[in-house]
Amino acid sequence: MIFSPKCRHCGKQEVVLTKIYYEATLRHGGVLHTFGVPDLEIPVCQACGEKVFTLAVEYQIDDAFKELS
């Protein structure tokens, strides 16, 4: 996974890949779905908590939604 170690929000170089529980919301078929994604691997700034949503993160969320169907 490629991401900058520098946070776009606070500017500190404290962004690290972290596993978190994430509650996602997606619209599918005109219906809004809210579901949990356990162990989402996402870059997070350790200084301010800002999450960095990369393409790899989006794929994990999509895969978790597909598992619900």
PDB file of N, CA and C in Angstrom:
ATOM      1  N   MET A   1       0.844  -1.172   0.000  1.00  0.00           N
ATOM      2  CA  MET A   1       0.000   0.000   0.000  1.00  0.00           C
ATOM      3  C   MET A   1       0.889   1.235   0.000  1.00  0.00           C
ATOM      4  N   ILE A   2       0.620   2.148  -0.933  1.00  0.00           N
ATOM      5  CA  ILE A   2       1.444   3.351  -1.032  1.00  0.00           C
ATOM      6  C   ILE A   2       0.681   4.532  -0.440  1.00  0.00           C
ATOM      7  N   PHE A   3       1.319   5.220   0.487  1.00  0.00           N
ATOM      8  CA  PHE A   3       0.752   6.434   1.062  1.00  0.00           C
ATOM      9  C   PHE A   3       1.890   7.280   1.602  1.00  0.00           C
ATOM     10  N   SER A   4       1.631   8.560   1.745  1.00  0.00           N
ATOM     11  CA  SER A   4       2.641   9.467   2.270  1.00  0.00           C
ATOM     12  C   SER A   4       2.676   9.370   3.789  1.00  0.00           C
ATOM     13  N   PRO A   5       3.872   9.321   4.381  1.00  0.00           N
ATOM     14  CA  PRO A   5       3.947   9.302   5.843  1.00  0.00           C
ATOM     15  C   PRO A   5       3.617  10.671   6.458  1.00  0.00           C
ATOM     16  N   LYS A   6       3.425  11.699   5.585  1.00  0.00           N
ATOM     17  CA  LYS A   6       3.101  13.034   6.076  1.00  0.00           C
ATOM     18  C   LYS A   6       1.592  13.247   6.004  1.00  0.00           C
ATOM     19  N   CYS A   7       0.998  13.669   7.108  1.00  0.00           N
ATOM     20  CA  CYS A   7      -0.440  13.877   7.203  1.00  0.00           C
ATOM     21  C   CYS A   7      -0.857  15.128   6.433  1.00  0.00           C
ATOM     22  N   ARG A   8      -1.887  14.974   5.608  1.00  0.00           N
ATOM     23  CA  ARG A   8      -2.422  16.122   4.860  1.00  0.00           C
ATOM     24  C   ARG A   8      -3.194  17.069   5.772  1.00  0.00           C
ATOM     25  N   HIS A   9      -3.651  16.561   6.903  1.00  0.00           N
ATOM     26  CA  HIS A   9      -4.458  17.368   7.815  1.00  0.00           C
ATOM     27  C   HIS A   9      -3.588  18.230   8.741  1.00  0.00           C
ATOM     28  N   CYS A  10      -2.644  17.591   9.440  1.00  0.00           N
ATOM     29  CA  CYS A  10      -1.836  18.331  10.426  1.00  0.00           C
ATOM     30  C   CYS A  10      -0.391  18.577   9.972  1.00  0.00           C
ATOM     31  N   GLY A  11       0.042  17.881   8.904  1.00  0.00           N
ATOM     32  CA  GLY A  11       1.383  18.099   8.381  1.00  0.00           C
ATOM     33  C   GLY A  11       2.494  17.317   9.065  1.00  0.00           C
ATOM     34  N   LYS A  12       2.162  16.564  10.098  1.00  0.00           N
ATOM     35  CA  LYS A  12       3.190  15.796  10.801  1.00  0.00           C
ATOM     36  C   LYS A  12       3.482  14.492  10.069  1.00  0.00           C
ATOM     37  N   GLN A  13       4.695  14.005  10.208  1.00  0.00           N
ATOM     38  CA  GLN A  13       5.103  12.757   9.566  1.00  0.00           C
ATOM     39  C   GLN A  13       4.874  11.594  10.514  1.00  0.00           C
ATOM     40  N   GLU A  14       3.593  11.340  10.825  1.00  0.00           N
ATOM     41  CA  GLU A  14       3.248  10.293  11.769  1.00  0.00           C
ATOM     42  C   GLU A  14       2.148   9.382  11.237  1.00  0.00           C
ATOM     43  N   VAL A  15       2.025   9.262   9.900  1.00  0.00           N
ATOM     44  CA  VAL A  15       1.015   8.402   9.306  1.00  0.00           C
ATOM     45  C   VAL A  15       1.564   6.983   9.213  1.00  0.00           C
ATOM     46  N   VAL A  16       0.868   6.046   9.849  1.00  0.00           N
ATOM     47  CA  VAL A  16       1.306   4.646   9.841  1.00  0.00           C
ATOM     48  C   VAL A  16       0.122   3.738   9.519  1.00  0.00           C
ATOM     49  N   LEU A  17       0.416   2.604   8.905  1.00  0.00           N
ATOM     50  CA  LEU A  17      -0.611   1.627   8.591  1.00  0.00           C
ATOM     51  C   LEU A  17      -1.110   1.011   9.891  1.00  0.00           C
ATOM     52  N   THR A  18      -2.424   1.053  10.088  1.00  0.00           N
ATOM     53  CA  THR A  18      -3.036   0.633  11.341  1.00  0.00           C
ATOM     54  C   THR A  18      -4.247  -0.243  11.056  1.00  0.00           C
ATOM     55  N   LYS A  19      -4.515  -1.226  11.899  1.00  0.00           N
ATOM     56  CA  LYS A  19      -5.732  -2.031  11.793  1.00  0.00           C
ATOM     57  C   LYS A  19      -6.749  -1.471  12.780  1.00  0.00           C
ATOM     58  N   ILE A  20      -7.951  -1.163  12.254  1.00  0.00           N
ATOM     59  CA  ILE A  20      -9.006  -0.601  13.093  1.00  0.00           C
ATOM     60  C   ILE A  20     -10.338  -1.261  12.751  1.00  0.00           C
ATOM     61  N   TYR A  21     -11.314  -1.105  13.635  1.00  0.00           N
ATOM     62  CA  TYR A  21     -12.695  -1.430  13.314  1.00  0.00           C
ATOM     63  C   TYR A  21     -13.268  -0.163  12.698  1.00  0.00           C
ATOM     64  N   TYR A  22     -13.925  -0.287  11.542  1.00  0.00           N
ATOM     65  CA  TYR A  22     -14.462   0.880  10.853  1.00  0.00           C
ATOM     66  C   TYR A  22     -15.925   0.639  10.510  1.00  0.00           C
ATOM     67  N   GLU A  23     -16.759   1.608  10.800  1.00  0.00           N
ATOM     68  CA  GLU A  23     -18.169   1.528  10.426  1.00  0.00           C
ATOM     69  C   GLU A  23     -18.340   2.292   9.116  1.00  0.00           C
ATOM     70  N   ALA A  24     -18.683   1.558   8.064  1.00  0.00           N
ATOM     71  CA  ALA A  24     -18.807   2.139   6.725  1.00  0.00           C
ATOM     72  C   ALA A  24     -20.269   2.321   6.350  1.00  0.00           C
ATOM     73  N   THR A  25     -20.510   3.271   5.467  1.00  0.00           N
ATOM     74  CA  THR A  25     -21.833   3.498   4.911  1.00  0.00           C
ATOM     75  C   THR A  25     -21.702   3.588   3.400  1.00  0.00           C
ATOM     76  N   LEU A  26     -22.457   2.740   2.694  1.00  0.00           N
ATOM     77  CA  LEU A  26     -22.458   2.723   1.231  1.00  0.00           C
ATOM     78  C   LEU A  26     -23.889   2.754   0.715  1.00  0.00           C
ATOM     79  N   ARG A  27     -24.069   3.412  -0.427  1.00  0.00           N
ATOM     80  CA  ARG A  27     -25.362   3.393  -1.092  1.00  0.00           C
ATOM     81  C   ARG A  27     -25.297   2.337  -2.192  1.00  0.00           C
ATOM     82  N   HIS A  28     -26.234   1.391  -2.161  1.00  0.00           N
ATOM     83  CA  HIS A  28     -26.302   0.323  -3.155  1.00  0.00           C
ATOM     84  C   HIS A  28     -27.759   0.085  -3.501  1.00  0.00           C
ATOM     85  N   GLY A  29     -28.083   0.158  -4.807  1.00  0.00           N
ATOM     86  CA  GLY A  29     -29.465  -0.040  -5.229  1.00  0.00           C
ATOM     87  C   GLY A  29     -30.415   1.000  -4.665  1.00  0.00           C
ATOM     88  N   GLY A  30     -29.898   2.203  -4.444  1.00  0.00           N
ATOM     89  CA  GLY A  30     -30.727   3.273  -3.903  1.00  0.00           C
ATOM     90  C   GLY A  30     -30.957   3.207  -2.412  1.00  0.00           C
ATOM     91  N   VAL A  31     -30.343   2.222  -1.758  1.00  0.00           N
ATOM     92  CA  VAL A  31     -30.516   2.037  -0.314  1.00  0.00           C
ATOM     93  C   VAL A  31     -29.185   2.286   0.396  1.00  0.00           C
ATOM     94  N   LEU A  32     -29.233   3.014   1.491  1.00  0.00           N
ATOM     95  CA  LEU A  32     -28.042   3.286   2.287  1.00  0.00           C
ATOM     96  C   LEU A  32     -27.807   2.130   3.256  1.00  0.00           C
ATOM     97  N   HIS A  33     -26.606   1.548   3.222  1.00  0.00           N
ATOM     98  CA  HIS A  33     -26.243   0.422   4.085  1.00  0.00           C
ATOM     99  C   HIS A  33     -25.110   0.851   5.021  1.00  0.00           C
ATOM    100  N   THR A  34     -25.266   0.559   6.294  1.00  0.00           N
ATOM    101  CA  THR A  34     -24.211   0.796   7.279  1.00  0.00           C
ATOM    102  C   THR A  34     -23.790  -0.552   7.825  1.00  0.00           C
ATOM    103  N   PHE A  35     -22.466  -0.790   7.861  1.00  0.00           N
ATOM    104  CA  PHE A  35     -21.940  -2.085   8.288  1.00  0.00           C
ATOM    105  C   PHE A  35     -20.541  -1.913   8.847  1.00  0.00           C
ATOM    106  N   GLY A  36     -20.114  -2.872   9.639  1.00  0.00           N
ATOM    107  CA  GLY A  36     -18.793  -2.831  10.244  1.00  0.00           C
ATOM    108  C   GLY A  36     -17.750  -3.548   9.408  1.00  0.00           C
ATOM    109  N   VAL A  37     -16.548  -2.988   9.396  1.00  0.00           N
ATOM    110  CA  VAL A  37     -15.405  -3.610   8.728  1.00  0.00           C
ATOM    111  C   VAL A  37     -14.353  -3.879   9.806  1.00  0.00           C
ATOM    112  N   PRO A  38     -14.298  -5.115  10.310  1.00  0.00           N
ATOM    113  CA  PRO A  38     -13.294  -5.424  11.329  1.00  0.00           C
ATOM    114  C   PRO A  38     -11.913  -5.523  10.688  1.00  0.00           C
ATOM    115  N   ASP A  39     -10.913  -5.104  11.389  1.00  0.00           N
ATOM    116  CA  ASP A  39      -9.519  -5.214  10.937  1.00  0.00           C
ATOM    117  C   ASP A  39      -9.235  -4.511   9.618  1.00  0.00           C
ATOM    118  N   LEU A  40      -9.825  -3.325   9.417  1.00  0.00           N
ATOM    119  CA  LEU A  40      -9.523  -2.531   8.229  1.00  0.00           C
ATOM    120  C   LEU A  40      -8.097  -2.023   8.340  1.00  0.00           C
ATOM    121  N   GLU A  41      -7.283  -2.306   7.343  1.00  0.00           N
ATOM    122  CA  GLU A  41      -5.904  -1.805   7.314  1.00  0.00           C
ATOM    123  C   GLU A  41      -5.916  -0.466   6.603  1.00  0.00           C
ATOM    124  N   ILE A  42      -5.646   0.591   7.359  1.00  0.00           N
ATOM    125  CA  ILE A  42      -5.743   1.947   6.840  1.00  0.00           C
ATOM    126  C   ILE A  42      -4.631   2.813   7.424  1.00  0.00           C
ATOM    127  N   PRO A  43      -4.042   3.683   6.608  1.00  0.00           N
ATOM    128  CA  PRO A  43      -3.071   4.630   7.151  1.00  0.00           C
ATOM    129  C   PRO A  43      -3.783   5.636   8.059  1.00  0.00           C
ATOM    130  N   VAL A  44      -3.245   5.826   9.261  1.00  0.00           N
ATOM    131  CA  VAL A  44      -3.834   6.751  10.230  1.00  0.00           C
ATOM    132  C   VAL A  44      -2.720   7.615  10.811  1.00  0.00           C
ATOM    133  N   CYS A  45      -2.979   8.914  10.918  1.00  0.00           N
ATOM    134  CA  CYS A  45      -2.011   9.819  11.537  1.00  0.00           C
ATOM    135  C   CYS A  45      -2.052   9.603  13.045  1.00  0.00           C
ATOM    136  N   GLN A  46      -0.929   9.291  13.611  1.00  0.00           N
ATOM    137  CA  GLN A  46      -0.848   9.050  15.052  1.00  0.00           C
ATOM    138  C   GLN A  46      -0.927  10.347  15.848  1.00  0.00           C
ATOM    139  N   ALA A  47      -0.710  11.492  15.183  1.00  0.00           N
ATOM    140  CA  ALA A  47      -0.764  12.779  15.872  1.00  0.00           C
ATOM    141  C   ALA A  47      -2.191  13.310  15.987  1.00  0.00           C
ATOM    142  N   CYS A  48      -2.955  13.253  14.868  1.00  0.00           N
ATOM    143  CA  CYS A  48      -4.288  13.871  14.889  1.00  0.00           C
ATOM    144  C   CYS A  48      -5.432  12.888  14.639  1.00  0.00           C
ATOM    145  N   GLY A  49      -5.115  11.635  14.254  1.00  0.00           N
ATOM    146  CA  GLY A  49      -6.154  10.642  14.047  1.00  0.00           C
ATOM    147  C   GLY A  49      -6.762  10.623  12.652  1.00  0.00           C
ATOM    148  N   GLU A  50      -6.303  11.482  11.760  1.00  0.00           N
ATOM    149  CA  GLU A  50      -6.835  11.544  10.396  1.00  0.00           C
ATOM    150  C   GLU A  50      -6.604  10.216   9.673  1.00  0.00           C
ATOM    151  N   LYS A  51      -7.661   9.707   9.029  1.00  0.00           N
ATOM    152  CA  LYS A  51      -7.567   8.460   8.266  1.00  0.00           C
ATOM    153  C   LYS A  51      -7.305   8.794   6.803  1.00  0.00           C
ATOM    154  N   VAL A  52      -6.447   8.003   6.148  1.00  0.00           N
ATOM    155  CA  VAL A  52      -6.105   8.213   4.743  1.00  0.00           C
ATOM    156  C   VAL A  52      -6.773   7.111   3.930  1.00  0.00           C
ATOM    157  N   PHE A  53      -7.780   7.482   3.142  1.00  0.00           N
ATOM    158  CA  PHE A  53      -8.523   6.507   2.348  1.00  0.00           C
ATOM    159  C   PHE A  53      -7.865   6.323   0.986  1.00  0.00           C
ATOM    160  N   THR A  54      -7.099   5.241   0.873  1.00  0.00           N
ATOM    161  CA  THR A  54      -6.424   4.900  -0.375  1.00  0.00           C
ATOM    162  C   THR A  54      -7.319   3.955  -1.175  1.00  0.00           C
ATOM    163  N   LEU A  55      -6.903   3.656  -2.395  1.00  0.00           N
ATOM    164  CA  LEU A  55      -7.645   2.710  -3.215  1.00  0.00           C
ATOM    165  C   LEU A  55      -7.695   1.337  -2.539  1.00  0.00           C
ATOM    166  N   ALA A  56      -6.601   0.929  -1.914  1.00  0.00           N
ATOM    167  CA  ALA A  56      -6.556  -0.357  -1.211  1.00  0.00           C
ATOM    168  C   ALA A  56      -7.561  -0.397  -0.059  1.00  0.00           C
ATOM    169  N   VAL A  57      -7.741   0.723   0.624  1.00  0.00           N
ATOM    170  CA  VAL A  57      -8.715   0.806   1.720  1.00  0.00           C
ATOM    171  C   VAL A  57     -10.129   0.675   1.155  1.00  0.00           C
ATOM    172  N   GLU A  58     -10.392   1.358   0.062  1.00  0.00           N
ATOM    173  CA  GLU A  58     -11.708   1.287  -0.579  1.00  0.00           C
ATOM    174  C   GLU A  58     -12.028  -0.146  -1.012  1.00  0.00           C
ATOM    175  N   TYR A  59     -11.035  -0.862  -1.531  1.00  0.00           N
ATOM    176  CA  TYR A  59     -11.231  -2.262  -1.927  1.00  0.00           C
ATOM    177  C   TYR A  59     -11.617  -3.124  -0.721  1.00  0.00           C
ATOM    178  N   GLN A  60     -10.976  -2.886   0.422  1.00  0.00           N
ATOM    179  CA  GLN A  60     -11.306  -3.648   1.626  1.00  0.00           C
ATOM    180  C   GLN A  60     -12.750  -3.396   2.058  1.00  0.00           C
ATOM    181  N   ILE A  61     -13.189  -2.145   1.966  1.00  0.00           N
ATOM    182  CA  ILE A  61     -14.560  -1.799   2.333  1.00  0.00           C
ATOM    183  C   ILE A  61     -15.533  -2.458   1.364  1.00  0.00           C
ATOM    184  N   ASP A  62     -15.232  -2.386   0.066  1.00  0.00           N
ATOM    185  CA  ASP A  62     -16.087  -3.038  -0.940  1.00  0.00           C
ATOM    186  C   ASP A  62     -16.178  -4.534  -0.718  1.00  0.00           C
ATOM    187  N   ASP A  63     -15.041  -5.162  -0.412  1.00  0.00           N
ATOM    188  CA  ASP A  63     -15.031  -6.615  -0.169  1.00  0.00           C
ATOM    189  C   ASP A  63     -15.873  -6.975   1.052  1.00  0.00           C
ATOM    190  N   ALA A  64     -15.794  -6.165   2.109  1.00  0.00           N
ATOM    191  CA  ALA A  64     -16.586  -6.418   3.312  1.00  0.00           C
ATOM    192  C   ALA A  64     -18.080  -6.302   3.002  1.00  0.00           C
ATOM    193  N   PHE A  65     -18.448  -5.346   2.152  1.00  0.00           N
ATOM    194  CA  PHE A  65     -19.854  -5.197   1.777  1.00  0.00           C
ATOM    195  C   PHE A  65     -20.329  -6.396   0.958  1.00  0.00           C
ATOM    196  N   LYS A  66     -19.491  -6.866   0.050  1.00  0.00           N
ATOM    197  CA  LYS A  66     -19.848  -8.039  -0.774  1.00  0.00           C
ATOM    198  C   LYS A  66     -20.076  -9.273   0.078  1.00  0.00           C
ATOM    199  N   GLU A  67     -19.349  -9.403   1.169  1.00  0.00           N
ATOM    200  CA  GLU A  67     -19.502 -10.548   2.065  1.00  0.00           C
ATOM    201  C   GLU A  67     -20.862 -10.545   2.759  1.00  0.00           C
ATOM    202  N   LEU A  68     -21.489  -9.382   2.875  1.00  0.00           N
ATOM    203  CA  LEU A  68     -22.808  -9.284   3.503  1.00  0.00           C
ATOM    204  C   LEU A  68     -23.918  -9.809   2.596  1.00  0.00           C
ATOM    205  N   SER A  69     -23.668  -9.748   1.305  1.00  0.00           N
ATOM    206  CA  SER A  69     -24.707 -10.154   0.329  1.00  0.00           C
ATOM    207  C   SER A  69     -24.803 -11.645   0.171  1.00  0.00           C
TER     208      SER A  69
END
